[in-house]
Amino acid sequence: MPATSTDQFGHRFADPGLLARALTHRSAGAPHNERLEFLGDALLGLIVAEALFQRWPRADEGALTRARAELVRESTLARIARRLDLGPLLRLGPGEMKSGGHRRDSILADALEAVIAAIYLDAGADACRTAVLGWLEPELGELVMGKVEKDPKTRLQEWLQARQHPLPTYELLGESGSDHDKTFRVRCLLAAPDLSAEGEGSSRRAAEQQAAESVLALLQA
């Protein structure tokens, strides 16, 4: 990618090699994007927290926390990555190419975080903030203060506490996939009422949230 051209991420890279690394999945060999992903995750959290703090001066910590979680979760980042047409630019190993890795939420979200870090390293905090807020503008515009729903685990806990029932337990049933692209399977169990449901996700936390959502659906059926 020419250094003088503006790419679809809204940033003109002085060092195109940073972007190339950000778009290289571990399966394609080194240097890959995992270190950039680590940095990008932290930068994204800060940029989103700052934006919400400024936009919602009357919001309490709980509302801000829920809104941030909504914006930085994997499915949101994957949606933004698709909007930016990031998938076709990814460098993947043969196995990931064959399995459609360029369409997978976890890979797209991780790569987007790596691109955030690449912009930061290429041009600094202001350029990074400008690019990321540009990507997030549709999602930020849709959020309404105080109207962001609590996550399923929190809602399930509150439902049980309101009825003085024991809190749920979460049991890891198994893991599958390669080290850099795992799928976790979790069961959520209630003692009262006697219910359980399973969930899957690219992290244990995501699987627990899905399992809690399934239990809530059973409780409300």
C-alpha atoms as a PDB file:
ATOM      1  CA  MET A   1       0.000   0.000   0.000  1.00  0.00           C
ATOM      2  CA  PRO A   2       1.595   3.309  -1.046  1.00  0.00           C
ATOM      3  CA  ALA A   3       2.610   5.543   1.837  1.00  0.00           C
ATOM      4  CA  THR A   4       1.116   8.565   0.092  1.00  0.00           C
ATOM      5  CA  SER A   5      -2.379   7.102  -0.329  1.00  0.00           C
ATOM      6  CA  THR A   6      -5.221   7.361   2.166  1.00  0.00           C
ATOM      7  CA  ASP A   7      -6.600   3.911   2.986  1.00  0.00           C
ATOM      8  CA  GLN A   8     -10.144   3.012   3.971  1.00  0.00           C
ATOM      9  CA  PHE A   9      -9.280   3.366   7.649  1.00  0.00           C
ATOM     10  CA  GLY A  10      -9.188   7.137   7.423  1.00  0.00           C
ATOM     11  CA  HIS A  11      -5.460   7.493   8.019  1.00  0.00           C
ATOM     12  CA  ARG A  12      -2.505   8.163   5.757  1.00  0.00           C
ATOM     13  CA  PHE A  13       0.255   5.769   6.858  1.00  0.00           C
ATOM     14  CA  ALA A  14       3.805   7.063   6.793  1.00  0.00           C
ATOM     15  CA  ASP A  15       4.925   3.495   7.515  1.00  0.00           C
ATOM     16  CA  PRO A  16       2.715   1.062   5.536  1.00  0.00           C
ATOM     17  CA  GLY A  17       4.581  -1.812   7.184  1.00  0.00           C
ATOM     18  CA  LEU A  18       2.688  -1.123  10.410  1.00  0.00           C
ATOM     19  CA  LEU A  19      -0.618  -1.614   8.643  1.00  0.00           C
ATOM     20  CA  ALA A  20       0.633  -4.765   6.931  1.00  0.00           C
ATOM     21  CA  ARG A  21       1.586  -6.216  10.318  1.00  0.00           C
ATOM     22  CA  ALA A  22      -1.768  -5.235  11.818  1.00  0.00           C
ATOM     23  CA  LEU A  23      -3.537  -7.168   9.083  1.00  0.00           C
ATOM     24  CA  THR A  24      -1.388 -10.305   9.453  1.00  0.00           C
ATOM     25  CA  HIS A  25      -3.011 -13.087  11.450  1.00  0.00           C
ATOM     26  CA  ARG A  26      -0.859 -15.414  13.532  1.00  0.00           C
ATOM     27  CA  SER A  27      -1.693 -18.283  11.187  1.00  0.00           C
ATOM     28  CA  ALA A  28       0.209 -16.489   8.386  1.00  0.00           C
ATOM     29  CA  GLY A  29       3.443 -16.465  10.386  1.00  0.00           C
ATOM     30  CA  ALA A  30       5.567 -13.778  12.009  1.00  0.00           C
ATOM     31  CA  PRO A  31       5.559 -10.861  12.349  1.00  0.00           C
ATOM     32  CA  HIS A  32       1.840 -11.028  13.132  1.00  0.00           C
ATOM     33  CA  ASN A  33      -0.644  -8.710  14.815  1.00  0.00           C
ATOM     34  CA  GLU A  34      -1.035 -10.084  18.350  1.00  0.00           C
ATOM     35  CA  ARG A  35       1.197  -7.502  20.069  1.00  0.00           C
ATOM     36  CA  LEU A  36      -0.524  -4.704  18.162  1.00  0.00           C
ATOM     37  CA  GLU A  37      -3.886  -6.149  19.166  1.00  0.00           C
ATOM     38  CA  PHE A  38      -2.855  -5.954  22.836  1.00  0.00           C
ATOM     39  CA  LEU A  39      -1.991  -2.268  22.525  1.00  0.00           C
ATOM     40  CA  GLY A  40      -5.017  -1.488  20.369  1.00  0.00           C
ATOM     41  CA  ASP A  41      -7.396  -2.993  22.902  1.00  0.00           C
ATOM     42  CA  ALA A  42      -6.102  -0.620  25.595  1.00  0.00           C
ATOM     43  CA  LEU A  43      -6.205   2.383  23.259  1.00  0.00           C
ATOM     44  CA  LEU A  44      -9.761   1.594  22.182  1.00  0.00           C
ATOM     45  CA  GLY A  45     -10.939   1.372  25.784  1.00  0.00           C
ATOM     46  CA  LEU A  46      -9.423   4.773  26.563  1.00  0.00           C
ATOM     47  CA  ILE A  47     -10.794   6.473  23.442  1.00  0.00           C
ATOM     48  CA  VAL A  48     -14.294   5.135  24.029  1.00  0.00           C
ATOM     49  CA  ALA A  49     -14.261   5.971  27.744  1.00  0.00           C
ATOM     50  CA  GLU A  50     -13.125   9.529  27.011  1.00  0.00           C
ATOM     51  CA  ALA A  51     -15.745  10.000  24.293  1.00  0.00           C
ATOM     52  CA  LEU A  52     -18.589   8.780  26.512  1.00  0.00           C
ATOM     53  CA  PHE A  53     -17.357  10.864  29.467  1.00  0.00           C
ATOM     54  CA  GLN A  54     -17.467  13.994  27.310  1.00  0.00           C
ATOM     55  CA  ARG A  55     -20.749  13.227  25.505  1.00  0.00           C
ATOM     56  CA  TRP A  56     -22.706  12.140  28.581  1.00  0.00           C
ATOM     57  CA  PRO A  57     -21.785  14.622  31.361  1.00  0.00           C
ATOM     58  CA  ARG A  58     -24.712  13.490  33.535  1.00  0.00           C
ATOM     59  CA  ALA A  59     -24.282   9.740  33.150  1.00  0.00           C
ATOM     60  CA  ASP A  60     -23.277   7.703  36.185  1.00  0.00           C
ATOM     61  CA  GLU A  61     -20.515   5.119  36.218  1.00  0.00           C
ATOM     62  CA  GLY A  62     -22.893   2.224  35.563  1.00  0.00           C
ATOM     63  CA  ALA A  63     -24.341   3.808  32.423  1.00  0.00           C
ATOM     64  CA  LEU A  64     -20.883   4.696  31.141  1.00  0.00           C
ATOM     65  CA  THR A  65     -19.585   1.192  31.813  1.00  0.00           C
ATOM     66  CA  ARG A  66     -22.500  -0.467  29.979  1.00  0.00           C
ATOM     67  CA  ALA A  67     -22.120   1.862  27.009  1.00  0.00           C
ATOM     68  CA  ARG A  68     -18.391   1.221  26.798  1.00  0.00           C
ATOM     69  CA  ALA A  69     -18.973  -2.538  26.914  1.00  0.00           C
ATOM     70  CA  GLU A  70     -21.493  -2.219  24.077  1.00  0.00           C
ATOM     71  CA  LEU A  71     -19.018  -0.331  21.904  1.00  0.00           C
ATOM     72  CA  VAL A  72     -15.899  -2.441  22.474  1.00  0.00           C
ATOM     73  CA  ARG A  73     -17.469  -5.894  22.368  1.00  0.00           C
ATOM     74  CA  GLU A  74     -16.403  -8.328  19.674  1.00  0.00           C
ATOM     75  CA  SER A  75     -19.588  -8.223  17.609  1.00  0.00           C
ATOM     76  CA  THR A  76     -19.523  -4.414  17.414  1.00  0.00           C
ATOM     77  CA  LEU A  77     -15.882  -4.345  16.356  1.00  0.00           C
ATOM     78  CA  ALA A  78     -16.490  -7.047  13.752  1.00  0.00           C
ATOM     79  CA  ARG A  79     -19.399  -5.029  12.341  1.00  0.00           C
ATOM     80  CA  ILE A  80     -17.173  -1.956  12.053  1.00  0.00           C
ATOM     81  CA  ALA A  81     -14.425  -4.050  10.432  1.00  0.00           C
ATOM     82  CA  ARG A  82     -16.909  -5.258   7.815  1.00  0.00           C
ATOM     83  CA  ARG A  83     -18.096  -1.710   7.192  1.00  0.00           C
ATOM     84  CA  LEU A  84     -14.456  -0.738   6.590  1.00  0.00           C
ATOM     85  CA  ASP A  85     -14.040  -3.761   4.281  1.00  0.00           C
ATOM     86  CA  LEU A  86     -11.146  -5.011   6.390  1.00  0.00           C
ATOM     87  CA  GLY A  87     -11.685  -8.734   5.727  1.00  0.00           C
ATOM     88  CA  PRO A  88     -10.290  -8.900   2.173  1.00  0.00           C
ATOM     89  CA  LEU A  89      -7.059  -7.213   3.350  1.00  0.00           C
ATOM     90  CA  LEU A  90      -6.249  -9.857   5.980  1.00  0.00           C
ATOM     91  CA  ARG A  91      -3.223 -12.114   5.575  1.00  0.00           C
ATOM     92  CA  LEU A  92      -4.217 -15.576   6.807  1.00  0.00           C
ATOM     93  CA  GLY A  93      -2.614 -18.989   6.798  1.00  0.00           C
ATOM     94  CA  PRO A  94      -3.974 -21.683   4.451  1.00  0.00           C
ATOM     95  CA  GLY A  95      -6.142 -23.284   7.143  1.00  0.00           C
ATOM     96  CA  GLU A  96      -7.799 -20.010   8.138  1.00  0.00           C
ATOM     97  CA  MET A  97      -8.268 -19.054   4.489  1.00  0.00           C
ATOM     98  CA  LYS A  98     -10.003 -22.353   3.810  1.00  0.00           C
ATOM     99  CA  SER A  99     -12.277 -22.036   6.855  1.00  0.00           C
ATOM    100  CA  GLY A 100     -13.322 -18.482   6.001  1.00  0.00           C
ATOM    101  CA  GLY A 101     -11.299 -16.741   8.708  1.00  0.00           C
ATOM    102  CA  HIS A 102     -11.637 -13.377   6.965  1.00  0.00           C
ATOM    103  CA  ARG A 103     -15.345 -13.468   7.866  1.00  0.00           C
ATOM    104  CA  ARG A 104     -14.971 -14.612  11.494  1.00  0.00           C
ATOM    105  CA  ASP A 105     -15.939 -12.067  14.163  1.00  0.00           C
ATOM    106  CA  SER A 106     -13.001 -12.837  16.451  1.00  0.00           C
ATOM    107  CA  ILE A 107     -10.385 -12.416  13.711  1.00  0.00           C
ATOM    108  CA  LEU A 108     -11.980  -9.236  12.363  1.00  0.00           C
ATOM    109  CA  ALA A 109     -12.275  -7.665  15.821  1.00  0.00           C
ATOM    110  CA  ASP A 110      -8.690  -8.524  16.739  1.00  0.00           C
ATOM    111  CA  ALA A 111      -7.386  -7.110  13.470  1.00  0.00           C
ATOM    112  CA  LEU A 112      -9.328  -3.884  13.945  1.00  0.00           C
ATOM    113  CA  GLU A 113      -7.734  -3.445  17.375  1.00  0.00           C
ATOM    114  CA  ALA A 114      -4.336  -4.054  15.769  1.00  0.00           C
ATOM    115  CA  VAL A 115      -5.044  -1.359  13.175  1.00  0.00           C
ATOM    116  CA  ILE A 116      -5.827   1.060  16.017  1.00  0.00           C
ATOM    117  CA  ALA A 117      -2.386   0.406  17.479  1.00  0.00           C
ATOM    118  CA  ALA A 118      -0.754   0.750  14.059  1.00  0.00           C
ATOM    119  CA  ILE A 119      -2.289   4.211  13.597  1.00  0.00           C
ATOM    120  CA  TYR A 120      -1.171   5.220  17.083  1.00  0.00           C
ATOM    121  CA  LEU A 121       2.413   4.094  16.454  1.00  0.00           C
ATOM    122  CA  ASP A 122       2.434   5.690  13.010  1.00  0.00           C
ATOM    123  CA  ALA A 123       1.058   9.125  13.909  1.00  0.00           C
ATOM    124  CA  GLY A 124       0.309   9.452  17.614  1.00  0.00           C
ATOM    125  CA  ALA A 125      -2.682   9.729  19.912  1.00  0.00           C
ATOM    126  CA  ASP A 126      -4.588  12.528  18.164  1.00  0.00           C
ATOM    127  CA  ALA A 127      -4.563  10.818  14.769  1.00  0.00           C
ATOM    128  CA  CYS A 128      -5.579   7.544  16.395  1.00  0.00           C
ATOM    129  CA  ARG A 129      -8.458   9.159  18.278  1.00  0.00           C
ATOM    130  CA  THR A 130      -9.714  10.931  15.140  1.00  0.00           C
ATOM    131  CA  ALA A 131      -9.732   7.736  13.085  1.00  0.00           C
ATOM    132  CA  VAL A 132     -11.371   5.571  15.752  1.00  0.00           C
ATOM    133  CA  LEU A 133     -14.095   8.100  16.575  1.00  0.00           C
ATOM    134  CA  GLY A 134     -14.836   8.346  12.866  1.00  0.00           C
ATOM    135  CA  TRP A 135     -15.362   4.583  12.700  1.00  0.00           C
ATOM    136  CA  LEU A 136     -17.509   4.593  15.831  1.00  0.00           C
ATOM    137  CA  GLU A 137     -19.726   7.548  14.976  1.00  0.00           C
ATOM    138  CA  PRO A 138     -22.730   5.453  13.825  1.00  0.00           C
ATOM    139  CA  GLU A 139     -22.625   3.352  17.000  1.00  0.00           C
ATOM    140  CA  LEU A 140     -22.062   6.359  19.268  1.00  0.00           C
ATOM    141  CA  GLY A 141     -24.980   8.133  17.631  1.00  0.00           C
ATOM    142  CA  GLU A 142     -27.332   5.224  18.320  1.00  0.00           C
ATOM    143  CA  LEU A 143     -26.596   5.046  22.052  1.00  0.00           C
ATOM    144  CA  VAL A 144     -29.064   6.729  24.371  1.00  0.00           C
ATOM    145  CA  MET A 145     -27.906   7.605  27.881  1.00  0.00           C
ATOM    146  CA  GLY A 146     -29.457   5.269  30.431  1.00  0.00           C
ATOM    147  CA  LYS A 147     -30.992   3.062  27.731  1.00  0.00           C
ATOM    148  CA  VAL A 148     -28.078   0.686  27.168  1.00  0.00           C
ATOM    149  CA  GLU A 149     -29.210  -2.706  28.377  1.00  0.00           C
ATOM    150  CA  LYS A 150     -27.229  -4.478  31.057  1.00  0.00           C
ATOM    151  CA  ASP A 151     -25.342  -7.566  29.978  1.00  0.00           C
ATOM    152  CA  PRO A 152     -27.070 -10.970  30.372  1.00  0.00           C
ATOM    153  CA  LYS A 153     -25.010 -12.101  33.398  1.00  0.00           C
ATOM    154  CA  THR A 154     -25.899  -8.918  35.281  1.00  0.00           C
ATOM    155  CA  ARG A 155     -29.570  -9.167  34.364  1.00  0.00           C
ATOM    156  CA  LEU A 156     -29.713 -12.805  35.432  1.00  0.00           C
ATOM    157  CA  GLN A 157     -28.006 -12.023  38.741  1.00  0.00           C
ATOM    158  CA  GLU A 158     -30.444  -9.183  39.449  1.00  0.00           C
ATOM    159  CA  TRP A 159     -33.445 -11.392  38.564  1.00  0.00           C
ATOM    160  CA  LEU A 160     -32.277 -14.034  41.033  1.00  0.00           C
ATOM    161  CA  GLN A 161     -31.388 -11.570  43.781  1.00  0.00           C
ATOM    162  CA  ALA A 162     -34.777  -9.902  43.531  1.00  0.00           C
ATOM    163  CA  ARG A 163     -36.367 -13.278  44.311  1.00  0.00           C
ATOM    164  CA  GLN A 164     -33.762 -14.215  46.946  1.00  0.00           C
ATOM    165  CA  HIS A 165     -32.565 -17.176  44.885  1.00  0.00           C
ATOM    166  CA  PRO A 166     -28.950 -18.417  44.895  1.00  0.00           C
ATOM    167  CA  LEU A 167     -26.642 -16.900  42.304  1.00  0.00           C
ATOM    168  CA  PRO A 168     -25.842 -18.921  39.164  1.00  0.00           C
ATOM    169  CA  THR A 169     -22.718 -20.976  38.652  1.00  0.00           C
ATOM    170  CA  TYR A 170     -20.838 -21.296  35.367  1.00  0.00           C
ATOM    171  CA  GLU A 171     -19.133 -24.530  34.362  1.00  0.00           C
ATOM    172  CA  LEU A 172     -16.571 -24.738  31.568  1.00  0.00           C
ATOM    173  CA  LEU A 173     -17.557 -27.744  29.450  1.00  0.00           C
ATOM    174  CA  GLY A 174     -14.751 -27.629  26.929  1.00  0.00           C
ATOM    175  CA  GLU A 175     -12.530 -25.748  24.525  1.00  0.00           C
ATOM    176  CA  SER A 176     -11.956 -26.389  20.836  1.00  0.00           C
ATOM    177  CA  GLY A 177      -9.906 -24.866  18.053  1.00  0.00           C
ATOM    178  CA  SER A 178      -6.317 -23.685  17.777  1.00  0.00           C
ATOM    179  CA  ASP A 179      -4.566 -21.612  20.420  1.00  0.00           C
ATOM    180  CA  HIS A 180      -5.225 -18.370  18.543  1.00  0.00           C
ATOM    181  CA  ASP A 181      -8.848 -19.110  17.614  1.00  0.00           C
ATOM    182  CA  LYS A 182     -10.521 -21.027  20.428  1.00  0.00           C
ATOM    183  CA  THR A 183     -14.209 -21.671  21.002  1.00  0.00           C
ATOM    184  CA  PHE A 184     -15.346 -22.067  24.617  1.00  0.00           C
ATOM    185  CA  ARG A 185     -18.459 -23.968  25.729  1.00  0.00           C
ATOM    186  CA  VAL A 186     -19.990 -23.113  29.105  1.00  0.00           C
ATOM    187  CA  ARG A 187     -23.036 -24.223  31.092  1.00  0.00           C
ATOM    188  CA  CYS A 188     -24.976 -21.830  33.329  1.00  0.00           C
ATOM    189  CA  LEU A 189     -26.701 -23.627  36.222  1.00  0.00           C
ATOM    190  CA  LEU A 190     -29.381 -22.381  38.619  1.00  0.00           C
ATOM    191  CA  ALA A 191     -30.232 -24.058  41.901  1.00  0.00           C
ATOM    192  CA  ALA A 192     -33.618 -22.367  42.157  1.00  0.00           C
ATOM    193  CA  PRO A 193     -35.401 -22.634  39.880  1.00  0.00           C
ATOM    194  CA  ASP A 194     -33.667 -25.775  38.652  1.00  0.00           C
ATOM    195  CA  LEU A 195     -32.533 -24.707  35.178  1.00  0.00           C
ATOM    196  CA  SER A 196     -29.436 -24.831  33.024  1.00  0.00           C
ATOM    197  CA  ALA A 197     -28.393 -23.771  29.543  1.00  0.00           C
ATOM    198  CA  GLU A 198     -25.230 -23.776  27.479  1.00  0.00           C
ATOM    199  CA  GLY A 199     -23.435 -21.100  25.523  1.00  0.00           C
ATOM    200  CA  GLU A 200     -20.464 -20.805  23.169  1.00  0.00           C
ATOM    201  CA  GLY A 201     -18.088 -17.961  22.432  1.00  0.00           C
ATOM    202  CA  SER A 202     -14.592 -16.970  21.403  1.00  0.00           C
ATOM    203  CA  SER A 203     -13.779 -16.312  25.076  1.00  0.00           C
ATOM    204  CA  ARG A 204     -14.991 -17.876  28.300  1.00  0.00           C
ATOM    205  CA  ARG A 205     -16.686 -14.598  29.221  1.00  0.00           C
ATOM    206  CA  ALA A 206     -18.546 -14.474  25.901  1.00  0.00           C
ATOM    207  CA  ALA A 207     -19.696 -18.072  26.357  1.00  0.00           C
ATOM    208  CA  GLU A 208     -20.918 -17.288  29.886  1.00  0.00           C
ATOM    209  CA  GLN A 209     -22.889 -14.307  28.589  1.00  0.00           C
ATOM    210  CA  GLN A 210     -24.546 -16.444  25.924  1.00  0.00           C
ATOM    211  CA  ALA A 211     -25.396 -19.140  28.476  1.00  0.00           C
ATOM    212  CA  ALA A 212     -26.893 -16.525  30.817  1.00  0.00           C
ATOM    213  CA  GLU A 213     -28.943 -15.125  27.927  1.00  0.00           C
ATOM    214  CA  SER A 214     -30.310 -18.598  27.229  1.00  0.00           C
ATOM    215  CA  VAL A 215     -31.252 -19.080  30.899  1.00  0.00           C
ATOM    216  CA  LEU A 216     -33.022 -15.712  30.927  1.00  0.00           C
ATOM    217  CA  ALA A 217     -35.005 -16.786  27.867  1.00  0.00           C
ATOM    218  CA  LEU A 218     -36.106 -19.943  29.721  1.00  0.00           C
ATOM    219  CA  LEU A 219     -37.107 -17.937  32.798  1.00  0.00           C
ATOM    220  CA  GLN A 220     -39.160 -15.538  30.711  1.00  0.00           C
ATOM    221  CA  ALA A 221     -40.772 -18.180  28.492  1.00  0.00           C
END
